[in-house]
Amino acid sequence: MSDPLKLFDIAKSQNRPLYAAAPMVRYSKLAFRKTVAEYGVDLTWTPMILAKEFNRSEHARNSDFTTCANAPPTIVQFGANSPFEISRATTLLAPHINGVDINCGCPQSWACAETLGAALMHKPELVASMITSAKESFKAEGFEAKKTVSVKIRIHKDLRQTVDFVKTMESVGVDFITIHGRLKSTPSSLPVNIDAIKLITEHTTVPTLSNGDVYSVEDAELHRKKLGVDGVMSARGLLENPAMFKGHSRCPWEAVEVFMLNVVKAPLPFKLVVHHLSEMVGTDHLGGTTAGGLGKLCGQEDRTALMECKDMLDILDWYERVKEVMQQSLS
């Protein structure tokens, strides 16, 4: 399995940023992670897994984490507020993952009420102790310096607090940091604060990823050159266009085919498949793959028919019909 830090080195040797797929609630499942990895993503994240529930529930372990023999490099993101819980969860998953990431960015009220996600941005000592515990667990399992412990953060209103937070994480050996350039209260509809990411990156000594508003290779390169980051993380951009980092300006039909093949091998719930397909064949997200008059992969009739599917058999029928149309248009 690939050491994430070596992946940063490889990307740097190719004069490009490392490409990462963000942890997305519900959507960063194995089938999607495998799809984006086939189109240039170097490092993938799972959705946030609640460490305490993962440790105590076999059902949670079976539903929250899935892997396979040829899984892409995978970082498991934990929602945790206890060094003990993250140590135990890291030990359980150590042989199957490339690293663990502590979620210090989720802005949802339920998470913050449980001292998870963005609430941890005000508890640097607790986060530092969780980093230490996770690293000690990797060491105990024989993976010292082979698997990483990272944090994904948001920014404070006073950026000096964010810089201090990062320095505390570095003091206990965090391997890399992802900076989501929004406050906890900033809606995703507002632009990411790239100046904040740049300022924080100037004070880091470990590899840094920027997260927010990356919809193309050009966006990624702009972040690398303007912000000085070592990598970029995308969420909505990859949902719309899993082939984005291969330079495709919109999702190609072949990526839909790759995704469906991966769904067969690593099944997803029906509603998730519908959502993924609806994102890939056409959305109206500002800044996404429909920008610049590129249009949508499928017409309105096909998109409506997709949303009317009732089960996976309906989806397969829809897929085969649209695939035939696509093939005819290319012949």
Protein backbone atom coordinates (compact mmCIF):
# COMPACT_ATOMS: atom_id res chain seq x y z
CA MET A 1 0.00 0.00 0.00
CA SER A 2 1.26 3.47 -0.89
CA ASP A 3 2.65 5.77 1.79
CA PRO A 4 0.69 9.04 1.35
CA LEU A 5 3.83 11.12 1.89
CA LYS A 6 5.46 9.33 -1.04
CA LEU A 7 2.43 10.23 -3.14
CA PHE A 8 3.10 13.89 -2.34
CA ASP A 9 6.70 13.39 -3.51
CA ILE A 10 5.55 11.75 -6.74
CA ALA A 11 3.15 14.59 -7.51
CA LYS A 12 5.89 17.13 -6.82
CA SER A 13 8.28 15.30 -9.15
CA GLN A 14 5.60 15.59 -11.85
CA ASN A 15 5.33 19.34 -11.23
CA ARG A 16 1.70 19.18 -10.17
CA PRO A 17 -0.32 19.17 -6.95
CA LEU A 18 -1.41 15.94 -5.33
CA TYR A 19 -5.04 15.27 -6.23
CA ALA A 20 -7.37 14.21 -3.41
CA ALA A 21 -11.04 13.26 -3.20
CA ALA A 22 -12.68 14.84 -0.17
CA PRO A 23 -14.54 12.99 2.57
CA MET A 24 -18.22 13.38 1.66
CA VAL A 25 -21.09 12.23 3.84
CA ARG A 26 -22.67 9.19 2.11
CA TYR A 27 -20.88 9.74 -1.20
CA SER A 28 -17.23 8.77 -0.61
CA LYS A 29 -17.97 5.06 -0.70
CA LEU A 30 -15.71 2.45 -2.29
CA ALA A 31 -17.34 2.45 -5.75
CA PHE A 32 -16.88 6.21 -6.06
CA ARG A 33 -13.36 6.15 -4.61
CA LYS A 34 -12.35 3.51 -7.15
CA THR A 35 -13.86 5.55 -9.96
CA VAL A 36 -12.03 8.79 -9.21
CA ALA A 37 -8.79 6.87 -8.65
CA GLU A 38 -9.06 5.52 -12.19
CA TYR A 39 -9.14 9.13 -13.37
CA GLY A 40 -6.09 10.52 -11.64
CA VAL A 41 -7.01 11.01 -7.99
CA ASP A 42 -3.95 10.12 -5.92
CA LEU A 43 -5.50 9.88 -2.47
CA THR A 44 -9.10 9.20 -1.44
CA TRP A 45 -10.96 9.83 1.81
CA THR A 46 -13.82 7.84 3.31
CA PRO A 47 -16.86 9.65 4.67
CA MET A 48 -16.43 10.62 8.31
CA ILE A 49 -16.68 7.56 10.56
CA LEU A 50 -17.67 8.07 14.20
CA ALA A 51 -14.85 6.34 16.05
CA LYS A 52 -16.82 5.51 19.19
CA GLU A 53 -19.68 3.84 17.29
CA PHE A 54 -17.22 2.10 14.97
CA ASN A 55 -15.42 0.58 17.94
CA ARG A 56 -18.57 -0.65 19.64
CA SER A 57 -20.84 -1.74 16.80
CA GLU A 58 -20.20 -4.55 14.34
CA HIS A 59 -23.00 -3.13 12.20
CA ALA A 60 -21.20 0.22 12.05
CA ARG A 61 -17.95 -1.48 11.08
CA ASN A 62 -19.64 -3.41 8.29
CA SER A 63 -21.54 -0.42 6.91
CA ASP A 64 -19.08 2.43 7.42
CA PHE A 65 -15.94 0.98 5.89
CA THR A 66 -15.53 -1.17 2.79
CA THR A 67 -12.35 -2.03 0.96
CA CYS A 68 -11.03 -4.56 -1.53
CA ALA A 69 -7.75 -6.03 -2.74
CA ASN A 70 -7.17 -3.32 -5.35
CA ALA A 71 -8.59 -0.39 -3.40
CA PRO A 72 -7.06 3.02 -4.12
CA PRO A 73 -4.89 4.71 -1.48
CA THR A 74 -7.38 5.45 1.27
CA ILE A 75 -7.46 7.78 4.24
CA VAL A 76 -10.12 7.01 6.85
CA GLN A 77 -11.55 10.14 8.38
CA PHE A 78 -12.63 9.80 11.99
CA GLY A 79 -15.03 11.91 13.95
CA ALA A 80 -13.58 11.59 17.43
CA ASN A 81 -13.03 13.50 20.64
CA SER A 82 -11.16 10.85 22.63
CA PRO A 83 -7.55 9.64 22.30
CA PHE A 84 -8.69 6.19 23.46
CA GLU A 85 -11.43 5.87 20.84
CA ILE A 86 -9.25 7.00 17.96
CA SER A 87 -6.45 4.70 19.11
CA ARG A 88 -8.76 1.70 19.14
CA ALA A 89 -10.34 2.56 15.78
CA THR A 90 -6.91 3.09 14.21
CA THR A 91 -5.78 -0.31 15.48
CA LEU A 92 -8.86 -2.01 13.99
CA LEU A 93 -8.29 -0.51 10.54
CA ALA A 94 -4.49 -0.24 10.44
CA PRO A 95 -3.87 -3.15 8.02
CA HIS A 96 -6.49 -1.94 5.54
CA ILE A 97 -5.81 1.79 5.14
CA ASN A 98 -3.07 4.24 4.25
CA GLY A 99 -3.74 6.70 7.02
CA VAL A 100 -6.25 8.26 9.39
CA ASP A 101 -7.53 11.80 9.36
CA ILE A 102 -9.13 13.67 12.26
CA ASN A 103 -12.15 15.72 11.25
CA CYS A 104 -11.77 19.21 12.65
CA GLY A 105 -13.95 20.86 10.03
CA CYS A 106 -17.51 19.47 10.01
CA PRO A 107 -19.75 22.49 10.73
CA GLN A 108 -22.98 20.62 11.44
CA SER A 109 -24.58 21.55 14.74
CA TRP A 110 -24.99 17.97 15.93
CA ALA A 111 -21.27 17.30 15.46
CA CYS A 112 -20.19 20.47 17.24
CA ALA A 113 -22.59 19.69 20.10
CA GLU A 114 -20.71 16.39 20.56
CA THR A 115 -17.32 18.18 20.46
CA LEU A 116 -16.63 16.77 17.02
CA GLY A 117 -15.70 18.42 13.73
CA ALA A 118 -15.24 22.19 13.78
CA ALA A 119 -15.71 22.30 17.57
CA LEU A 120 -12.24 20.76 17.83
CA MET A 121 -10.70 23.88 16.30
CA HIS A 122 -10.99 25.36 19.80
CA LYS A 123 -9.42 22.33 21.50
CA PRO A 124 -5.91 22.04 20.00
CA GLU A 125 -4.50 20.08 22.95
CA LEU A 126 -7.21 17.42 22.58
CA VAL A 127 -6.56 17.10 18.85
CA ALA A 128 -2.82 16.88 19.50
CA SER A 129 -3.37 14.05 21.96
CA MET A 130 -5.49 12.18 19.40
CA ILE A 131 -2.75 12.55 16.80
CA THR A 132 -0.25 11.11 19.26
CA SER A 133 -2.56 8.20 20.09
CA ALA A 134 -3.18 7.34 16.45
CA LYS A 135 0.53 7.46 15.64
CA GLU A 136 1.31 5.22 18.61
CA SER A 137 -1.32 2.74 17.40
CA PHE A 138 0.25 2.58 13.95
CA LYS A 139 3.64 2.06 15.57
CA ALA A 140 2.32 -0.76 17.77
CA GLU A 141 0.92 -2.49 14.66
CA GLY A 142 4.26 -2.23 12.81
CA PHE A 143 3.32 0.67 10.54
CA GLU A 144 5.48 3.45 11.94
CA ALA A 145 6.49 5.91 9.19
CA LYS A 146 4.43 3.86 6.71
CA LYS A 147 0.96 5.27 7.38
CA THR A 148 -0.03 8.83 8.09
CA VAL A 149 -2.02 10.76 10.65
CA SER A 150 -3.47 14.01 9.34
CA VAL A 151 -6.06 16.64 10.24
CA LYS A 152 -8.63 18.46 8.11
CA ILE A 153 -9.39 21.90 9.48
CA ARG A 154 -11.45 25.02 8.89
CA ILE A 155 -10.23 28.53 9.58
CA HIS A 156 -10.85 30.83 12.55
CA LYS A 157 -12.07 34.38 12.17
CA ASP A 158 -8.74 35.38 13.69
CA LEU A 159 -6.26 33.55 11.46
CA ARG A 160 -3.60 33.79 14.12
CA GLN A 161 -5.58 31.15 16.00
CA THR A 162 -5.48 28.89 12.95
CA VAL A 163 -1.73 29.35 12.59
CA ASP A 164 -1.27 28.51 16.28
CA PHE A 165 -3.51 25.46 15.87
CA VAL A 166 -1.40 24.22 12.95
CA LYS A 167 1.83 24.74 14.87
CA THR A 168 0.45 22.70 17.77
CA MET A 169 -0.40 19.85 15.37
CA GLU A 170 3.06 19.98 13.84
CA SER A 171 4.67 19.86 17.29
CA VAL A 172 3.22 16.36 17.86
CA GLY A 173 4.16 15.05 14.42
CA VAL A 174 1.07 15.47 12.24
CA ASP A 175 2.03 14.24 8.77
CA PHE A 176 0.00 16.66 6.65
CA ILE A 177 -2.87 19.14 6.93
CA THR A 178 -5.90 19.92 4.78
CA ILE A 179 -7.20 23.48 5.02
CA HIS A 180 -10.83 24.16 4.14
CA GLY A 181 -10.78 27.90 3.60
CA ARG A 182 -14.14 28.68 5.19
CA LEU A 183 -15.28 29.55 8.70
CA LYS A 184 -17.59 27.13 10.48
CA SER A 185 -20.40 29.59 9.78
CA THR A 186 -19.56 30.20 6.11
CA PRO A 187 -22.02 28.50 3.72
CA SER A 188 -20.53 26.51 0.85
CA SER A 189 -22.31 28.84 -1.59
CA LEU A 190 -19.82 31.58 -0.72
CA PRO A 191 -16.31 31.53 -2.20
CA VAL A 192 -13.49 29.91 -0.28
CA ASN A 193 -11.03 32.30 1.38
CA ILE A 194 -7.93 31.60 -0.68
CA ASP A 195 -5.96 34.37 1.02
CA ALA A 196 -6.48 32.62 4.35
CA ILE A 197 -5.24 29.32 2.92
CA LYS A 198 -2.18 31.08 1.51
CA LEU A 199 -1.38 32.75 4.84
CA ILE A 200 -1.69 29.52 6.82
CA THR A 201 0.32 27.56 4.26
CA GLU A 202 3.14 30.06 4.60
CA HIS A 203 3.42 29.00 8.25
CA THR A 204 3.32 25.22 7.76
CA THR A 205 6.29 22.88 7.62
CA VAL A 206 4.36 19.73 6.60
CA PRO A 207 2.60 19.08 3.27
CA THR A 208 -0.60 21.09 2.91
CA LEU A 209 -3.78 20.50 0.91
CA SER A 210 -6.28 23.22 0.03
CA ASN A 211 -9.97 22.36 0.02
CA GLY A 212 -12.75 24.37 -1.56
CA ASP A 213 -13.88 25.49 -5.03
CA VAL A 214 -11.67 23.14 -7.07
CA TYR A 215 -13.57 22.24 -10.24
CA SER A 216 -10.81 21.67 -12.79
CA VAL A 217 -7.14 20.95 -13.35
CA GLU A 218 -6.74 24.67 -13.95
CA ASP A 219 -8.22 25.44 -10.52
CA ALA A 220 -5.84 22.92 -8.97
CA GLU A 221 -2.82 24.43 -10.66
CA LEU A 222 -3.90 27.92 -9.61
CA HIS A 223 -4.09 26.76 -5.99
CA ARG A 224 -0.61 25.23 -6.22
CA LYS A 225 1.01 28.28 -7.74
CA LYS A 226 -0.89 31.04 -5.97
CA LEU A 227 -1.33 29.46 -2.53
CA GLY A 228 1.84 27.38 -2.35
CA VAL A 229 -0.01 24.21 -1.35
CA ASP A 230 1.26 20.70 -2.09
CA GLY A 231 -2.11 19.32 -3.09
CA VAL A 232 -5.78 20.06 -3.64
CA MET A 233 -8.92 18.35 -2.40
CA SER A 234 -12.19 18.39 -4.31
CA ALA A 235 -15.70 17.39 -3.31
CA ARG A 236 -18.46 18.84 -5.51
CA GLY A 237 -16.18 19.08 -8.53
CA LEU A 238 -15.48 15.35 -8.46
CA LEU A 239 -19.11 14.48 -7.80
CA GLU A 240 -20.03 16.26 -11.02
CA ASN A 241 -17.01 15.08 -12.96
CA PRO A 242 -15.00 12.13 -11.58
CA ALA A 243 -12.62 12.53 -14.55
CA MET A 244 -11.85 16.16 -13.71
CA PHE A 245 -8.21 15.60 -12.83
CA LYS A 246 -7.61 13.92 -16.19
CA GLY A 247 -8.42 17.22 -17.82
CA HIS A 248 -12.01 16.51 -18.88
CA SER A 249 -14.08 19.69 -18.85
CA ARG A 250 -17.22 17.71 -18.12
CA CYS A 251 -17.94 14.13 -17.12
CA PRO A 252 -17.30 11.81 -20.09
CA TRP A 253 -19.71 8.94 -20.68
CA GLU A 254 -16.87 6.47 -20.15
CA ALA A 255 -16.62 7.65 -16.53
CA VAL A 256 -20.29 6.79 -16.06
CA GLU A 257 -19.51 3.32 -17.40
CA VAL A 258 -16.55 2.95 -15.03
CA PHE A 259 -18.70 4.04 -12.11
CA MET A 260 -21.47 1.56 -12.95
CA LEU A 261 -18.95 -1.27 -13.21
CA ASN A 262 -17.60 -0.34 -9.80
CA VAL A 263 -21.13 -0.25 -8.38
CA VAL A 264 -21.60 -3.84 -9.56
CA LYS A 265 -18.40 -4.86 -7.76
CA ALA A 266 -18.96 -2.70 -4.67
CA PRO A 267 -22.73 -2.13 -4.41
CA LEU A 268 -24.20 1.14 -3.21
CA PRO A 269 -27.71 1.87 -1.94
CA PHE A 270 -30.13 2.67 -4.75
CA LYS A 271 -30.62 6.34 -3.81
CA LEU A 272 -26.88 6.93 -3.74
CA VAL A 273 -26.49 5.50 -7.24
CA VAL A 274 -29.24 7.82 -8.49
CA HIS A 275 -27.56 10.81 -6.87
CA HIS A 276 -24.13 10.02 -8.30
CA LEU A 277 -25.54 9.51 -11.79
CA SER A 278 -27.62 12.68 -11.61
CA GLU A 279 -24.50 14.65 -10.70
CA MET A 280 -22.48 13.11 -13.52
CA VAL A 281 -24.98 13.42 -16.36
CA GLY A 282 -25.88 17.04 -15.69
CA THR A 283 -26.14 19.63 -12.92
CA ASP A 284 -26.54 23.38 -12.77
CA HIS A 285 -23.96 24.00 -10.06
CA LEU A 286 -22.21 27.31 -10.54
CA GLY A 287 -18.58 26.68 -11.40
CA GLY A 288 -19.17 23.04 -12.14
CA THR A 289 -18.93 21.03 -15.32
CA THR A 290 -21.76 22.88 -17.04
CA ALA A 291 -19.94 26.21 -16.88
CA GLY A 292 -18.84 27.91 -20.07
CA GLY A 293 -21.72 26.64 -22.19
CA LEU A 294 -20.47 23.06 -22.23
CA GLY A 295 -23.98 21.73 -21.75
CA LYS A 296 -24.95 18.55 -20.00
CA LEU A 297 -24.00 14.96 -20.76
CA CYS A 298 -27.65 13.90 -21.01
CA GLY A 299 -30.72 15.75 -22.22
CA GLN A 300 -33.64 16.74 -20.02
CA GLU A 301 -35.70 13.69 -21.01
CA ASP A 302 -32.98 11.25 -19.95
CA ARG A 303 -32.30 13.14 -16.72
CA THR A 304 -36.00 13.09 -15.87
CA ALA A 305 -36.19 9.37 -16.64
CA LEU A 306 -33.26 8.74 -14.28
CA MET A 307 -35.03 10.50 -11.42
CA GLU A 308 -38.14 8.41 -12.06
CA CYS A 309 -36.26 5.10 -11.57
CA LYS A 310 -37.72 3.05 -8.72
CA ASP A 311 -34.99 0.43 -8.20
CA MET A 312 -31.66 -0.83 -9.50
CA LEU A 313 -33.33 -2.76 -12.33
CA ASP A 314 -34.82 0.50 -13.56
CA ILE A 315 -31.40 2.15 -13.36
CA LEU A 316 -29.79 -0.66 -15.36
CA ASP A 317 -32.48 -0.34 -18.02
CA TRP A 318 -31.98 3.42 -18.10
CA TYR A 319 -28.21 2.98 -18.31
CA GLU A 320 -28.34 0.52 -21.22
CA ARG A 321 -30.75 2.73 -23.16
CA VAL A 322 -28.67 5.88 -22.69
CA LYS A 323 -25.46 3.96 -23.44
CA GLU A 324 -26.88 2.84 -26.79
CA VAL A 325 -27.78 6.43 -27.64
CA MET A 326 -24.30 7.60 -26.69
CA GLN A 327 -22.66 4.92 -28.83
CA GLN A 328 -24.83 5.84 -31.80
CA SER A 329 -23.91 9.49 -31.44
CA LEU A 330 -20.20 8.59 -31.56
CA SER A 331 -20.46 6.26 -34.55
